[in-house]
Protein backbone atom coordinates (compact mmCIF):
# COMPACT_ATOMS: atom_id res chain seq x y z
CA MET A 1 100.05 86.40 89.43
CA PHE A 2 101.40 89.36 91.36
CA SER A 3 104.74 89.28 93.13
CA GLU A 4 104.89 89.87 96.88
CA HIS A 5 106.33 93.32 96.28
CA GLN A 6 103.54 94.21 93.88
CA ILE A 7 100.96 93.15 96.48
CA LEU A 8 102.59 95.41 99.07
CA GLN A 9 102.85 98.27 96.58
CA ARG A 10 99.13 98.01 95.89
CA ASP A 11 98.32 98.02 99.61
CA LEU A 12 100.51 101.07 100.15
CA LYS A 13 98.77 102.97 97.35
CA ILE A 14 95.38 102.17 98.89
CA LEU A 15 96.55 103.30 102.34
CA GLU A 16 97.90 106.56 100.89
CA GLN A 17 94.61 107.34 99.14
CA MET A 18 92.60 106.45 102.23
CA ALA A 19 94.76 108.78 104.34
CA ILE A 20 94.16 111.60 101.85
CA GLU A 21 90.38 111.14 101.86
CA MET A 22 89.95 110.31 105.55
CA GLU A 23 89.12 113.85 106.69
CA PRO A 24 86.16 114.41 104.33
CA TYR A 25 84.96 110.86 105.11
CA LEU A 26 84.99 111.56 108.85
CA ILE A 27 83.07 114.81 108.38
CA SER A 28 80.45 113.13 106.21
CA ASP A 29 77.63 110.86 107.34
CA THR A 30 77.97 108.29 104.57
CA MET A 31 79.01 104.73 105.33
CA HIS A 32 79.81 103.98 101.67
CA TRP A 33 82.60 106.28 100.52
CA THR A 34 83.84 105.67 96.99
CA MET A 35 87.41 106.92 96.66
CA ALA A 36 88.53 109.22 93.86
CA LYS A 37 90.58 106.43 92.32
CA ARG A 38 87.90 104.04 91.13
CA ASP A 39 90.11 100.95 91.03
CA MET A 40 90.36 100.97 94.83
CA PRO A 41 88.07 99.58 97.55
CA LYS A 42 85.61 101.79 99.38
CA LEU A 43 87.12 103.89 102.14
CA THR A 44 86.51 102.80 105.71
CA ILE A 45 88.35 103.52 108.94
CA GLY A 46 88.71 99.78 109.38
CA GLY A 47 90.21 99.28 105.94
CA TYR A 48 92.75 102.01 106.60
CA LEU A 49 93.67 100.73 110.08
CA MET A 50 94.11 97.17 108.83
CA ARG A 51 96.73 98.44 106.39
CA GLN A 52 98.33 100.77 108.91
CA GLN A 53 98.82 97.82 111.24
CA ARG A 54 100.38 95.43 108.75
CA LEU A 55 102.44 97.58 106.40
CA PRO A 56 104.90 98.87 109.03
CA ILE A 57 105.49 95.27 110.14
CA LEU A 58 106.33 94.38 106.54
CA SER A 59 108.19 97.60 105.73
CA ASN A 60 111.49 95.75 105.27
CA TYR A 61 109.98 94.38 102.06
CA LEU A 62 109.36 97.91 100.77
CA ARG A 63 111.91 100.07 99.00
CA PRO A 64 113.32 103.05 100.96
CA GLU A 65 111.20 105.54 99.02
CA GLU A 66 108.12 103.40 99.68
CA GLN A 67 108.90 103.28 103.38
CA ALA A 68 109.10 107.07 103.33
CA ARG A 69 105.71 107.27 101.60
CA LEU A 70 104.26 104.97 104.25
CA ASP A 71 105.52 107.27 107.02
CA VAL A 72 104.06 110.32 105.28
CA ALA A 73 100.64 108.67 104.89
CA ILE A 74 100.50 107.57 108.52
CA ASN A 75 101.57 111.02 109.72
CA HIS A 76 98.87 112.59 107.54
CA PHE A 77 96.26 110.29 109.06
CA ASN A 78 97.42 111.06 112.60
CA GLN A 79 97.26 114.80 111.92
CA THR A 80 93.73 114.38 110.59
CA LEU A 81 92.66 112.96 113.95
CA VAL A 82 94.22 115.66 116.14
CA GLU A 83 91.07 117.76 116.45
CA LYS A 84 88.57 115.03 115.62
CA VAL A 85 88.75 112.69 118.61
CA VAL A 86 85.01 112.61 119.27
CA ARG A 87 84.08 112.44 115.61
CA PHE A 88 86.57 109.65 114.91
CA GLU A 89 85.38 107.64 117.90
CA HIS A 90 81.76 108.01 116.77
CA ARG A 91 82.48 107.00 113.18
CA ALA A 92 84.69 104.10 114.26
CA HIS A 93 81.87 102.73 116.43
CA GLN A 94 79.42 103.10 113.55
CA GLU A 95 81.72 100.98 111.42
CA LEU A 96 82.27 98.43 114.17
CA HIS A 97 78.55 97.77 114.50
CA ALA A 98 78.26 97.44 110.73
CA PHE A 99 81.25 95.07 110.54
CA LEU A 100 79.95 92.96 113.43
CA ASN A 101 76.59 92.62 111.71
CA GLU A 102 78.33 91.69 108.46
CA TRP A 103 80.45 89.04 110.20
CA THR A 104 77.42 87.66 112.00
CA CYS A 105 75.52 87.39 108.71
CA TYR A 106 78.42 85.50 107.16
CA LEU A 107 78.57 83.05 110.07
CA ARG A 108 74.82 82.53 109.86
CA GLY A 109 75.27 81.81 106.17
CA LEU A 110 77.32 78.78 107.12
CA THR A 111 74.07 77.18 108.26
CA LYS A 112 72.23 77.40 104.95
CA TYR A 113 75.00 77.82 102.39
CA ARG A 114 77.78 75.97 104.13
CA ALA A 115 79.88 74.81 101.16
CA LEU A 116 79.65 78.18 99.41
CA ALA A 117 80.35 80.12 102.59
CA VAL A 118 83.42 78.05 103.42
CA THR A 119 84.72 78.50 99.88
CA ARG A 120 84.44 82.27 100.36
CA TYR A 121 86.03 82.26 103.80
CA ALA A 122 89.42 83.69 102.75
CA SER A 123 87.76 86.81 101.36
CA GLU A 124 85.04 87.12 104.00
CA VAL A 125 87.47 86.90 106.95
CA ASP A 126 88.78 90.32 105.92
CA THR A 127 85.84 91.64 107.97
CA ARG A 128 87.12 89.90 111.11
CA VAL A 129 90.59 91.38 110.59
CA VAL A 130 89.13 94.86 110.19
CA ILE A 131 87.11 94.45 113.40
CA THR A 132 90.31 93.71 115.31
CA ALA A 133 92.08 96.71 113.78
CA VAL A 134 89.31 99.12 114.81
CA ILE A 135 89.04 97.67 118.32
CA ASP A 136 92.80 97.95 118.81
CA LYS A 137 92.65 101.62 117.81
CA LEU A 138 89.75 102.40 120.11
CA LEU A 139 91.63 100.84 123.03
CA GLU A 140 94.26 103.55 122.65
CA THR A 141 94.12 106.85 124.55
CA PRO A 142 92.14 109.13 124.21
CA TYR A 143 89.44 106.87 122.75
CA GLN A 144 86.89 104.81 124.66
CA LEU A 145 85.64 101.51 123.29
CA ASP A 146 82.03 100.56 123.90
CA ARG A 147 82.36 97.79 126.51
CA ARG A 148 79.63 95.71 124.88
CA ILE A 149 81.61 95.16 121.70
CA PRO A 150 84.31 92.80 123.06
CA SER A 151 81.57 90.68 124.64
CA GLU A 152 79.66 90.47 121.37
CA LEU A 153 82.81 89.51 119.50
CA THR A 154 83.72 86.88 122.08
CA VAL A 155 80.37 85.16 121.50
CA LEU A 156 80.99 85.05 117.75
CA ASP A 157 84.56 83.80 118.17
CA ARG A 158 83.54 81.04 120.57
CA SER A 159 80.91 79.82 118.14
CA LEU A 160 83.42 79.76 115.27
CA ARG A 161 86.04 78.00 117.42
CA ARG A 162 83.59 75.19 118.18
CA HIS A 163 83.42 74.43 114.47
CA TRP A 164 86.97 75.20 113.43
CA GLN A 165 89.45 73.16 111.41
CA VAL A 166 93.04 74.32 111.94
CA GLY A 167 94.99 74.66 108.71
CA LYS A 168 97.31 76.82 106.67
CA PHE A 169 97.26 80.61 106.48
CA VAL A 170 94.30 81.60 104.30
CA TRP A 171 95.76 84.72 102.68
CA GLU A 172 98.78 85.36 100.46
CA PRO A 173 101.97 84.29 102.28
CA VAL A 174 103.34 87.84 102.16
CA TRP A 175 100.84 88.88 104.86
CA GLN A 176 101.58 86.07 107.31
CA PRO A 177 104.35 87.81 109.33
CA ALA A 178 101.87 90.57 110.18
CA TYR A 179 99.32 88.12 111.58
CA PRO A 180 100.68 85.85 114.34
CA LYS A 181 98.61 82.74 114.88
CA GLU A 182 98.17 83.35 118.62
CA LYS A 183 96.11 86.49 118.00
CA TYR A 184 94.73 85.83 114.52
CA TRP A 185 93.86 82.14 114.87
CA TRP A 186 90.90 82.60 112.51
CA LEU A 187 93.34 83.21 109.63
CA TYR A 188 94.81 79.73 110.06
CA GLY A 189 92.25 77.21 108.86
CA LYS A 190 88.56 77.23 107.92
CA PRO A 191 85.10 76.41 109.29
CA ASP A 192 84.73 72.64 109.65
CA LEU A 193 82.72 71.16 106.75
CA LYS A 194 81.87 68.09 108.84
CA THR A 195 79.98 70.23 111.34
CA SER A 196 76.23 69.85 111.67
CA SER A 197 74.18 72.11 109.42
CA GLN A 198 72.78 73.71 112.56
CA ALA A 199 76.23 74.79 113.73
CA TYR A 200 75.63 78.50 113.49
CA SER A 201 71.90 78.68 114.07
CA ILE A 202 72.49 79.63 117.71
CA LEU A 203 74.36 82.83 116.88
CA PRO A 204 72.71 85.78 118.65
CA SER A 205 71.87 89.01 116.89
CA VAL A 206 74.42 91.77 117.23
CA SER A 207 72.98 95.01 118.57
CA GLU A 208 72.54 97.84 116.14
């Protein structure tokens, strides 16, 4: 078992490495970027933004030198974007469509593999968190979010809400202060096992 501080340390190290490698990732066309440190997840804009959102909220749990490292990493990321507004917006939308398709596939899986899919919910919902992080960024100036995306996400959320069982926070408790229930309701509970097996068969396809 890792302590809360160890969990945060690990997240900080991932964010730092993602910030370092963000510029070559943005310039490239690949959607599957393996970072130089092989024990880390693949680099995505969404994965970086998820961490950039939550770590400052939890910075009081970091040591002063770790807080300083967090500031340096975020500043490095921001500098990377200064002359890459169009490129960043394009790449972020590419990821959003991929994440929306991934989330849709997971929800569809609840129809056929319901028990297994619900068991995996705590890990799979990472995709939904990343979607929110990217959308929040693209709502900032000077970016422009594709207007179709919020509508597509609303359809998926409404379907999940119809078959939702409210419960405890699904991730490690250390993350909870960064994810208020009002906004991140889908981190507080799980899909309802008592729902009909056809619950998610009506999900529409997400546009490519």
